[in-house]
N, C-alpha and C. Protein backbone atom coordinates (compact mmCIF):
# COMPACT_ATOMS: atom_id res chain seq x y z
N MET A 1 14.30 -8.56 -16.24
CA MET A 1 12.95 -9.00 -16.02
C MET A 1 12.50 -9.83 -17.22
N ASP A 2 11.93 -10.99 -16.97
CA ASP A 2 11.41 -11.81 -18.06
C ASP A 2 10.06 -11.28 -18.49
N ARG A 3 9.88 -11.15 -19.78
CA ARG A 3 8.58 -10.71 -20.30
C ARG A 3 7.72 -11.92 -20.54
N ARG A 4 6.43 -11.72 -20.31
CA ARG A 4 5.51 -12.79 -20.68
C ARG A 4 5.39 -12.78 -22.18
N LYS A 5 5.45 -13.94 -22.76
CA LYS A 5 5.38 -14.07 -24.22
C LYS A 5 4.05 -14.70 -24.61
N PHE A 6 3.46 -14.17 -25.61
CA PHE A 6 2.21 -14.70 -26.13
C PHE A 6 2.34 -14.89 -27.63
N ILE A 7 1.55 -15.73 -28.17
CA ILE A 7 1.51 -15.90 -29.62
C ILE A 7 0.10 -15.54 -30.07
N ALA A 8 0.03 -14.70 -31.09
CA ALA A 8 -1.27 -14.32 -31.62
C ALA A 8 -1.78 -15.45 -32.51
N LYS A 9 -2.98 -15.91 -32.22
CA LYS A 9 -3.59 -16.98 -33.02
C LYS A 9 -4.98 -16.55 -33.41
N ALA A 10 -5.39 -16.93 -34.55
CA ALA A 10 -6.74 -16.69 -35.05
C ALA A 10 -7.16 -15.23 -34.93
N GLY A 11 -6.21 -14.35 -35.18
CA GLY A 11 -6.51 -12.92 -35.17
C GLY A 11 -6.66 -12.32 -33.78
N VAL A 12 -6.43 -13.10 -32.73
CA VAL A 12 -6.55 -12.58 -31.38
C VAL A 12 -5.19 -12.04 -30.96
N ALA A 13 -5.14 -10.77 -30.60
CA ALA A 13 -3.88 -10.14 -30.20
C ALA A 13 -3.83 -10.06 -28.68
N ALA A 14 -2.65 -10.23 -28.15
CA ALA A 14 -2.43 -10.08 -26.71
C ALA A 14 -1.16 -9.26 -26.52
N THR A 15 -0.93 -8.82 -25.30
CA THR A 15 0.28 -8.04 -25.06
C THR A 15 1.47 -8.98 -25.06
N GLY A 16 2.58 -8.51 -25.52
CA GLY A 16 3.79 -9.31 -25.53
C GLY A 16 4.37 -9.38 -26.92
N THR A 17 5.08 -10.45 -27.23
CA THR A 17 5.69 -10.62 -28.54
C THR A 17 4.74 -11.42 -29.41
N PHE A 18 4.58 -11.01 -30.66
CA PHE A 18 3.63 -11.65 -31.56
C PHE A 18 4.36 -12.42 -32.64
N LEU A 19 3.79 -13.53 -33.04
CA LEU A 19 4.30 -14.29 -34.17
C LEU A 19 3.21 -14.26 -35.23
N ILE A 20 3.46 -13.53 -36.27
CA ILE A 20 2.49 -13.37 -37.34
C ILE A 20 3.21 -13.60 -38.65
N SER A 21 2.73 -14.53 -39.44
CA SER A 21 3.33 -14.81 -40.74
C SER A 21 4.84 -15.01 -40.64
N SER A 22 5.27 -15.76 -39.67
CA SER A 22 6.68 -16.09 -39.46
C SER A 22 7.56 -14.88 -39.13
N GLN A 23 6.97 -13.74 -38.81
CA GLN A 23 7.74 -12.57 -38.42
C GLN A 23 7.49 -12.29 -36.94
N THR A 24 8.50 -11.93 -36.24
CA THR A 24 8.35 -11.56 -34.84
C THR A 24 8.31 -10.04 -34.76
N ILE A 25 7.28 -9.55 -34.11
CA ILE A 25 7.13 -8.12 -33.90
C ILE A 25 7.41 -7.87 -32.42
N PRO A 26 8.38 -7.04 -32.09
CA PRO A 26 8.76 -6.85 -30.68
C PRO A 26 7.67 -6.18 -29.87
N ASP A 27 7.69 -6.46 -28.60
CA ASP A 27 6.81 -5.85 -27.62
C ASP A 27 7.02 -4.34 -27.68
N LEU A 28 5.95 -3.58 -27.64
CA LEU A 28 6.04 -2.13 -27.78
C LEU A 28 6.14 -1.40 -26.44
N LYS A 29 6.23 -2.14 -25.34
CA LYS A 29 6.34 -1.48 -24.04
C LYS A 29 7.71 -0.82 -23.91
N SER A 30 7.71 0.39 -23.40
CA SER A 30 8.97 1.08 -23.15
C SER A 30 9.61 0.52 -21.88
N LYS A 31 10.86 0.86 -21.67
CA LYS A 31 11.53 0.39 -20.45
C LYS A 31 10.87 0.99 -19.22
N GLU A 32 10.36 2.21 -19.33
CA GLU A 32 9.67 2.84 -18.21
C GLU A 32 8.37 2.11 -17.89
N GLU A 33 7.64 1.72 -18.92
CA GLU A 33 6.39 0.99 -18.68
C GLU A 33 6.67 -0.37 -18.04
N GLU A 34 7.65 -1.07 -18.56
CA GLU A 34 8.00 -2.37 -17.98
C GLU A 34 8.45 -2.23 -16.54
N ARG A 35 9.27 -1.22 -16.27
CA ARG A 35 9.76 -1.01 -14.89
C ARG A 35 8.61 -0.62 -13.97
N ALA A 36 7.72 0.24 -14.43
CA ALA A 36 6.59 0.66 -13.60
C ALA A 36 5.69 -0.53 -13.26
N LEU A 37 5.42 -1.38 -14.26
CA LEU A 37 4.61 -2.57 -14.01
C LEU A 37 5.32 -3.51 -13.03
N GLU A 38 6.61 -3.68 -13.21
CA GLU A 38 7.39 -4.53 -12.32
C GLU A 38 7.32 -4.02 -10.88
N LEU A 39 7.51 -2.73 -10.69
CA LEU A 39 7.46 -2.13 -9.36
C LEU A 39 6.07 -2.23 -8.75
N PHE A 40 5.06 -1.96 -9.55
CA PHE A 40 3.67 -2.03 -9.08
C PHE A 40 3.32 -3.44 -8.63
N ARG A 41 3.76 -4.42 -9.38
CA ARG A 41 3.49 -5.82 -9.03
C ARG A 41 4.33 -6.28 -7.85
N ALA A 42 5.38 -5.52 -7.52
CA ALA A 42 6.25 -5.84 -6.38
C ALA A 42 5.85 -5.03 -5.14
N ASP A 43 4.63 -4.58 -5.09
CA ASP A 43 4.03 -3.92 -3.93
C ASP A 43 4.39 -2.46 -3.72
N TYR A 44 5.01 -1.81 -4.71
CA TYR A 44 5.07 -0.35 -4.65
C TYR A 44 3.70 0.13 -5.09
N HIS A 45 3.22 1.19 -4.48
CA HIS A 45 1.90 1.66 -4.91
C HIS A 45 2.03 2.47 -6.20
N CYS A 46 0.89 2.84 -6.73
CA CYS A 46 0.80 3.45 -8.06
C CYS A 46 1.71 4.67 -8.24
N ALA A 47 1.66 5.62 -7.33
CA ALA A 47 2.47 6.84 -7.47
C ALA A 47 3.96 6.52 -7.41
N GLN A 48 4.33 5.63 -6.51
CA GLN A 48 5.74 5.24 -6.42
C GLN A 48 6.20 4.53 -7.69
N ALA A 49 5.37 3.62 -8.19
CA ALA A 49 5.75 2.84 -9.38
C ALA A 49 6.01 3.73 -10.59
N ILE A 50 5.12 4.68 -10.85
CA ILE A 50 5.29 5.53 -12.03
C ILE A 50 6.48 6.47 -11.85
N LEU A 51 6.64 7.02 -10.65
CA LEU A 51 7.75 7.93 -10.42
C LEU A 51 9.10 7.21 -10.49
N LEU A 52 9.22 6.09 -9.81
CA LEU A 52 10.48 5.36 -9.79
C LEU A 52 10.85 4.80 -11.16
N ALA A 53 9.87 4.55 -12.00
CA ALA A 53 10.15 4.03 -13.35
C ALA A 53 10.97 5.02 -14.17
N TYR A 54 10.95 6.29 -13.79
CA TYR A 54 11.69 7.32 -14.52
C TYR A 54 12.99 7.74 -13.83
N SER A 55 13.36 7.07 -12.74
CA SER A 55 14.55 7.50 -12.00
C SER A 55 15.83 7.40 -12.83
N GLU A 56 15.94 6.37 -13.63
CA GLU A 56 17.14 6.23 -14.47
C GLU A 56 17.12 7.24 -15.62
N THR A 57 15.99 7.32 -16.30
CA THR A 57 15.85 8.23 -17.45
C THR A 57 16.10 9.68 -17.06
N LEU A 58 15.55 10.08 -15.91
CA LEU A 58 15.65 11.48 -15.48
C LEU A 58 16.72 11.70 -14.41
N ASN A 59 17.42 10.65 -14.05
CA ASN A 59 18.58 10.73 -13.16
C ASN A 59 18.25 11.37 -11.81
N PHE A 60 17.35 10.74 -11.05
CA PHE A 60 17.07 11.23 -9.71
C PHE A 60 17.15 10.09 -8.70
N ASP A 61 17.28 10.44 -7.44
CA ASP A 61 17.46 9.50 -6.35
C ASP A 61 16.18 8.71 -6.05
N GLU A 62 16.26 7.39 -6.14
CA GLU A 62 15.08 6.54 -5.91
C GLU A 62 14.60 6.56 -4.47
N GLY A 63 15.55 6.61 -3.54
CA GLY A 63 15.16 6.62 -2.13
C GLY A 63 14.34 7.84 -1.78
N LEU A 64 14.81 9.00 -2.21
CA LEU A 64 14.08 10.23 -1.96
C LEU A 64 12.74 10.22 -2.69
N ALA A 65 12.72 9.75 -3.92
CA ALA A 65 11.47 9.69 -4.70
C ALA A 65 10.45 8.76 -4.03
N THR A 66 10.93 7.63 -3.50
CA THR A 66 10.03 6.70 -2.80
C THR A 66 9.42 7.39 -1.58
N SER A 67 10.24 8.12 -0.84
CA SER A 67 9.76 8.82 0.35
C SER A 67 8.76 9.92 -0.01
N ILE A 68 9.12 10.73 -0.97
CA ILE A 68 8.25 11.85 -1.36
C ILE A 68 6.90 11.36 -1.85
N SER A 69 6.88 10.29 -2.62
CA SER A 69 5.63 9.80 -3.21
C SER A 69 4.85 8.85 -2.30
N SER A 70 5.39 8.54 -1.12
CA SER A 70 4.76 7.52 -0.26
C SER A 70 3.33 7.85 0.16
N GLY A 71 2.98 9.10 0.28
CA GLY A 71 1.63 9.46 0.69
C GLY A 71 0.63 9.62 -0.44
N PHE A 72 1.03 9.32 -1.67
CA PHE A 72 0.17 9.60 -2.82
C PHE A 72 -0.57 8.38 -3.36
N GLY A 73 -0.32 7.19 -2.84
CA GLY A 73 -0.99 5.99 -3.34
C GLY A 73 -2.46 5.96 -2.95
N GLY A 74 -3.23 5.23 -3.73
CA GLY A 74 -4.66 5.08 -3.42
C GLY A 74 -5.41 6.40 -3.48
N GLY A 75 -4.99 7.27 -4.37
CA GLY A 75 -5.66 8.56 -4.50
C GLY A 75 -5.32 9.48 -3.34
N MET A 76 -4.06 9.51 -2.96
CA MET A 76 -3.50 10.34 -1.90
C MET A 76 -3.93 9.81 -0.53
N GLY A 77 -3.08 8.95 0.01
CA GLY A 77 -3.32 8.40 1.33
C GLY A 77 -4.57 7.54 1.41
N ARG A 78 -4.89 6.90 0.33
CA ARG A 78 -6.10 6.08 0.16
C ARG A 78 -7.37 6.88 0.45
N LEU A 79 -7.31 8.18 0.17
CA LEU A 79 -8.53 9.00 0.23
C LEU A 79 -9.37 8.79 -1.02
N GLN A 80 -8.76 8.15 -2.01
CA GLN A 80 -9.38 7.88 -3.30
C GLN A 80 -9.75 9.17 -4.04
N LYS A 81 -8.90 10.16 -3.88
CA LYS A 81 -9.03 11.41 -4.63
C LYS A 81 -8.22 11.25 -5.91
N THR A 82 -7.39 12.20 -6.28
CA THR A 82 -6.64 12.10 -7.54
C THR A 82 -5.77 10.85 -7.54
N CYS A 83 -5.92 10.04 -8.58
CA CYS A 83 -5.21 8.78 -8.75
C CYS A 83 -3.70 8.97 -8.57
N GLY A 84 -3.07 8.05 -7.87
CA GLY A 84 -1.63 8.10 -7.65
C GLY A 84 -0.82 8.06 -8.93
N LEU A 85 -1.35 7.43 -9.96
CA LEU A 85 -0.65 7.43 -11.25
C LEU A 85 -0.65 8.82 -11.86
N VAL A 86 -1.71 9.57 -11.61
CA VAL A 86 -1.81 10.94 -12.11
C VAL A 86 -0.86 11.83 -11.31
N THR A 87 -0.92 11.76 -9.98
CA THR A 87 -0.04 12.62 -9.18
C THR A 87 1.43 12.22 -9.36
N GLY A 88 1.71 10.93 -9.46
CA GLY A 88 3.08 10.49 -9.72
C GLY A 88 3.58 10.98 -11.06
N SER A 89 2.70 10.98 -12.05
CA SER A 89 3.07 11.49 -13.37
C SER A 89 3.33 12.99 -13.33
N PHE A 90 2.57 13.70 -12.52
CA PHE A 90 2.82 15.14 -12.36
C PHE A 90 4.21 15.36 -11.78
N MET A 91 4.62 14.51 -10.84
CA MET A 91 5.96 14.61 -10.27
C MET A 91 7.02 14.36 -11.34
N VAL A 92 6.78 13.36 -12.18
CA VAL A 92 7.71 13.08 -13.29
C VAL A 92 7.85 14.31 -14.17
N LEU A 93 6.73 14.94 -14.50
CA LEU A 93 6.77 16.13 -15.37
C LEU A 93 7.54 17.28 -14.71
N GLY A 94 7.39 17.44 -13.40
CA GLY A 94 8.13 18.47 -12.69
C GLY A 94 9.64 18.22 -12.74
N ILE A 95 10.04 16.98 -12.52
CA ILE A 95 11.46 16.64 -12.58
C ILE A 95 11.99 16.82 -14.00
N TYR A 96 11.21 16.40 -14.97
CA TYR A 96 11.60 16.54 -16.38
C TYR A 96 11.85 18.01 -16.72
N ASN A 97 10.92 18.88 -16.36
CA ASN A 97 11.05 20.30 -16.69
C ASN A 97 12.12 20.99 -15.86
N HIS A 98 12.35 20.52 -14.67
CA HIS A 98 13.43 21.09 -13.86
C HIS A 98 14.78 20.84 -14.54
N ALA A 99 14.93 19.68 -15.13
CA ALA A 99 16.19 19.36 -15.82
C ALA A 99 16.29 20.07 -17.17
N LYS A 100 15.16 20.31 -17.80
CA LYS A 100 15.16 20.87 -19.15
C LYS A 100 15.34 22.40 -19.17
N TYR A 101 14.80 23.08 -18.18
CA TYR A 101 14.83 24.54 -18.17
C TYR A 101 15.59 25.05 -16.95
N SER A 102 16.36 26.12 -17.15
CA SER A 102 17.11 26.68 -16.02
C SER A 102 16.34 27.79 -15.32
N ASN A 103 15.40 28.39 -16.01
CA ASN A 103 14.63 29.50 -15.46
C ASN A 103 13.40 28.95 -14.72
N THR A 104 13.20 29.41 -13.49
CA THR A 104 12.10 28.92 -12.66
C THR A 104 10.74 29.17 -13.31
N ARG A 105 10.55 30.33 -13.91
CA ARG A 105 9.27 30.61 -14.56
C ARG A 105 9.00 29.67 -15.72
N GLU A 106 10.04 29.40 -16.51
CA GLU A 106 9.89 28.44 -17.62
C GLU A 106 9.59 27.04 -17.09
N ARG A 107 10.29 26.64 -16.05
CA ARG A 107 10.05 25.33 -15.45
C ARG A 107 8.59 25.19 -15.03
N ASN A 108 8.14 26.18 -14.27
CA ASN A 108 6.77 26.13 -13.76
C ASN A 108 5.75 26.23 -14.87
N SER A 109 5.94 27.15 -15.79
CA SER A 109 5.00 27.34 -16.89
C SER A 109 4.86 26.07 -17.74
N ASN A 110 5.99 25.50 -18.09
CA ASN A 110 5.95 24.28 -18.89
C ASN A 110 5.39 23.10 -18.11
N THR A 111 5.71 23.01 -16.84
CA THR A 111 5.15 21.93 -16.02
C THR A 111 3.65 22.08 -15.91
N TYR A 112 3.15 23.27 -15.62
CA TYR A 112 1.71 23.49 -15.51
C TYR A 112 0.99 23.11 -16.81
N SER A 113 1.56 23.53 -17.92
CA SER A 113 0.96 23.22 -19.21
C SER A 113 0.91 21.71 -19.46
N MET A 114 2.02 21.04 -19.16
CA MET A 114 2.07 19.58 -19.37
C MET A 114 1.16 18.85 -18.39
N VAL A 115 1.06 19.33 -17.17
CA VAL A 115 0.16 18.72 -16.18
C VAL A 115 -1.28 18.82 -16.65
N ARG A 116 -1.67 20.00 -17.14
CA ARG A 116 -3.04 20.17 -17.63
C ARG A 116 -3.32 19.25 -18.81
N GLU A 117 -2.35 19.15 -19.72
CA GLU A 117 -2.53 18.29 -20.88
C GLU A 117 -2.57 16.81 -20.47
N PHE A 118 -1.70 16.41 -19.55
CA PHE A 118 -1.73 15.03 -19.05
C PHE A 118 -3.11 14.74 -18.46
N HIS A 119 -3.58 15.64 -17.60
CA HIS A 119 -4.88 15.48 -16.93
C HIS A 119 -5.99 15.26 -17.95
N GLU A 120 -6.03 16.11 -18.96
CA GLU A 120 -7.08 16.01 -19.98
C GLU A 120 -6.99 14.70 -20.76
N LYS A 121 -5.79 14.29 -21.14
CA LYS A 121 -5.63 13.04 -21.89
C LYS A 121 -6.03 11.84 -21.04
N PHE A 122 -5.58 11.82 -19.80
CA PHE A 122 -5.93 10.71 -18.90
C PHE A 122 -7.44 10.64 -18.71
N ARG A 123 -8.04 11.79 -18.45
CA ARG A 123 -9.50 11.84 -18.25
C ARG A 123 -10.27 11.43 -19.50
N SER A 124 -9.76 11.81 -20.67
CA SER A 124 -10.46 11.43 -21.91
C SER A 124 -10.40 9.92 -22.14
N ILE A 125 -9.33 9.28 -21.69
CA ILE A 125 -9.19 7.83 -21.84
C ILE A 125 -10.04 7.09 -20.80
N HIS A 126 -9.98 7.54 -19.55
CA HIS A 126 -10.57 6.78 -18.44
C HIS A 126 -11.86 7.38 -17.88
N GLY A 127 -12.24 8.56 -18.32
CA GLY A 127 -13.48 9.17 -17.86
C GLY A 127 -13.38 9.87 -16.51
N ALA A 128 -12.26 9.74 -15.84
CA ALA A 128 -12.06 10.35 -14.52
C ALA A 128 -10.58 10.35 -14.19
N THR A 129 -10.22 11.10 -13.17
CA THR A 129 -8.85 11.06 -12.67
C THR A 129 -8.81 10.71 -11.18
N ASP A 130 -9.98 10.52 -10.57
CA ASP A 130 -9.99 10.17 -9.15
C ASP A 130 -10.11 8.66 -8.98
N CYS A 131 -9.40 8.18 -7.99
CA CYS A 131 -9.30 6.75 -7.71
C CYS A 131 -10.67 6.11 -7.46
N LEU A 132 -11.54 6.78 -6.72
CA LEU A 132 -12.85 6.22 -6.40
C LEU A 132 -13.65 5.93 -7.66
N SER A 133 -13.68 6.88 -8.58
CA SER A 133 -14.41 6.67 -9.84
C SER A 133 -13.75 5.61 -10.71
N LEU A 134 -12.42 5.62 -10.76
CA LEU A 134 -11.71 4.64 -11.59
C LEU A 134 -11.91 3.22 -11.07
N MET A 135 -11.84 3.04 -9.76
CA MET A 135 -11.96 1.72 -9.15
C MET A 135 -13.42 1.31 -8.96
N ASN A 136 -14.29 2.26 -8.85
CA ASN A 136 -15.72 2.03 -8.67
C ASN A 136 -16.01 1.21 -7.39
N CYS A 137 -15.19 1.43 -6.38
CA CYS A 137 -15.43 0.81 -5.07
C CYS A 137 -14.65 1.59 -4.02
N ASP A 138 -15.10 1.48 -2.78
CA ASP A 138 -14.46 2.19 -1.67
C ASP A 138 -13.41 1.30 -1.04
N LEU A 139 -12.15 1.62 -1.27
CA LEU A 139 -11.05 0.82 -0.75
C LEU A 139 -10.86 0.97 0.76
N ASN A 140 -11.63 1.84 1.38
CA ASN A 140 -11.54 2.04 2.83
C ASN A 140 -12.50 1.14 3.59
N THR A 141 -13.27 0.35 2.87
CA THR A 141 -14.15 -0.61 3.52
C THR A 141 -13.69 -2.02 3.19
N GLU A 142 -14.00 -2.95 4.08
CA GLU A 142 -13.66 -4.34 3.84
C GLU A 142 -14.37 -4.86 2.59
N GLU A 143 -15.62 -4.45 2.43
CA GLU A 143 -16.39 -4.86 1.25
C GLU A 143 -15.73 -4.35 -0.04
N GLY A 144 -15.29 -3.11 -0.03
CA GLY A 144 -14.63 -2.53 -1.21
C GLY A 144 -13.31 -3.20 -1.51
N ARG A 145 -12.51 -3.45 -0.48
CA ARG A 145 -11.23 -4.15 -0.69
C ARG A 145 -11.44 -5.56 -1.21
N ASN A 146 -12.45 -6.26 -0.68
CA ASN A 146 -12.77 -7.61 -1.18
C ASN A 146 -13.22 -7.56 -2.62
N TYR A 147 -14.06 -6.59 -2.94
CA TYR A 147 -14.53 -6.42 -4.32
C TYR A 147 -13.35 -6.19 -5.27
N ALA A 148 -12.45 -5.31 -4.86
CA ALA A 148 -11.26 -5.01 -5.69
C ALA A 148 -10.42 -6.25 -5.89
N LYS A 149 -10.23 -7.02 -4.84
CA LYS A 149 -9.42 -8.23 -4.93
C LYS A 149 -10.09 -9.29 -5.80
N GLU A 150 -11.36 -9.55 -5.54
CA GLU A 150 -12.11 -10.58 -6.29
C GLU A 150 -12.20 -10.25 -7.77
N ASN A 151 -12.27 -8.99 -8.08
CA ASN A 151 -12.41 -8.55 -9.48
C ASN A 151 -11.08 -8.14 -10.11
N ARG A 152 -9.99 -8.37 -9.39
CA ARG A 152 -8.64 -8.10 -9.87
C ARG A 152 -8.52 -6.68 -10.44
N LEU A 153 -9.05 -5.71 -9.71
CA LEU A 153 -9.04 -4.32 -10.18
C LEU A 153 -7.63 -3.77 -10.28
N SER A 154 -6.75 -4.23 -9.41
CA SER A 154 -5.36 -3.78 -9.49
C SER A 154 -4.79 -4.11 -10.87
N GLU A 155 -5.09 -5.27 -11.36
CA GLU A 155 -4.62 -5.69 -12.68
C GLU A 155 -5.45 -5.07 -13.80
N LYS A 156 -6.75 -5.13 -13.68
CA LYS A 156 -7.63 -4.69 -14.77
C LYS A 156 -7.73 -3.17 -14.91
N VAL A 157 -7.73 -2.47 -13.80
CA VAL A 157 -7.88 -1.02 -13.84
C VAL A 157 -6.54 -0.31 -13.67
N CYS A 158 -5.86 -0.60 -12.57
CA CYS A 158 -4.63 0.14 -12.25
C CYS A 158 -3.53 -0.08 -13.28
N GLU A 159 -3.33 -1.32 -13.70
CA GLU A 159 -2.26 -1.58 -14.67
C GLU A 159 -2.57 -0.94 -16.02
N LYS A 160 -3.83 -0.87 -16.39
CA LYS A 160 -4.22 -0.18 -17.63
C LYS A 160 -3.95 1.32 -17.49
N CYS A 161 -4.33 1.88 -16.35
CA CYS A 161 -4.06 3.30 -16.10
C CYS A 161 -2.56 3.58 -16.08
N LEU A 162 -1.79 2.65 -15.52
CA LEU A 162 -0.34 2.80 -15.47
C LEU A 162 0.25 2.84 -16.88
N SER A 163 -0.13 1.87 -17.70
CA SER A 163 0.38 1.84 -19.08
C SER A 163 0.00 3.09 -19.84
N ASP A 164 -1.24 3.53 -19.68
CA ASP A 164 -1.68 4.75 -20.36
C ASP A 164 -0.91 5.97 -19.86
N SER A 165 -0.63 6.02 -18.57
CA SER A 165 0.12 7.14 -18.00
C SER A 165 1.52 7.23 -18.61
N VAL A 166 2.18 6.08 -18.72
CA VAL A 166 3.52 6.08 -19.33
C VAL A 166 3.45 6.54 -20.77
N ARG A 167 2.45 6.11 -21.50
CA ARG A 167 2.32 6.52 -22.91
C ARG A 167 2.04 8.01 -23.04
N ILE A 168 1.21 8.55 -22.15
CA ILE A 168 0.94 9.99 -22.17
C ILE A 168 2.22 10.76 -21.84
N LEU A 169 2.94 10.32 -20.81
CA LEU A 169 4.21 10.97 -20.45
C LEU A 169 5.18 10.93 -21.62
N LYS A 170 5.27 9.81 -22.27
CA LYS A 170 6.19 9.67 -23.41
C LYS A 170 5.83 10.69 -24.50
N ASP A 171 4.54 10.78 -24.80
CA ASP A 171 4.08 11.73 -25.80
C ASP A 171 4.43 13.18 -25.41
N LEU A 172 4.20 13.52 -24.17
CA LEU A 172 4.46 14.89 -23.72
C LEU A 172 5.95 15.22 -23.70
N MET A 173 6.75 14.27 -23.29
CA MET A 173 8.19 14.55 -23.14
C MET A 173 8.98 14.39 -24.43
N GLU A 174 8.38 13.82 -25.46
CA GLU A 174 9.09 13.69 -26.74
C GLU A 174 8.83 14.84 -27.68
N ARG A 175 8.11 15.82 -27.27
CA ARG A 175 7.80 16.98 -28.14
C ARG A 175 8.96 17.93 -28.20
């Protein structure tokens, strides 16, 4: 995947590779974040994008993961309840702990703990974990869908939530 490249000028920073004082500082996006963004922009919904981004790292079947997560986009079936990035991240944490622990109680206990911590971190960053509050429009109405499209909410809101989700997951799984 080609990365978009930007040059920082006049103290303005953008995402990508920076050229500052003749030094190149590499893009700080992880491979999971890049893959999740790529999938999301290729019409996978939020839950699918975040889950599939970890298929190589956590060694699980993409086809099954796509099927399992298919009902979780748009806040679970576009009900605009818990954000698909949040529920998809919970699935990632479950797979991670399943591989890490052999005992079912340990798997569940650690997953529950990490899910609660993910939830709190996400909510502290974005003020909510439900799709309706995050998007601030009803995606089940034509007016809401038009508003989301005109205001590029998929890019401005969802992609920001996606990047933050990957960073939270990274923090939790590197402990």
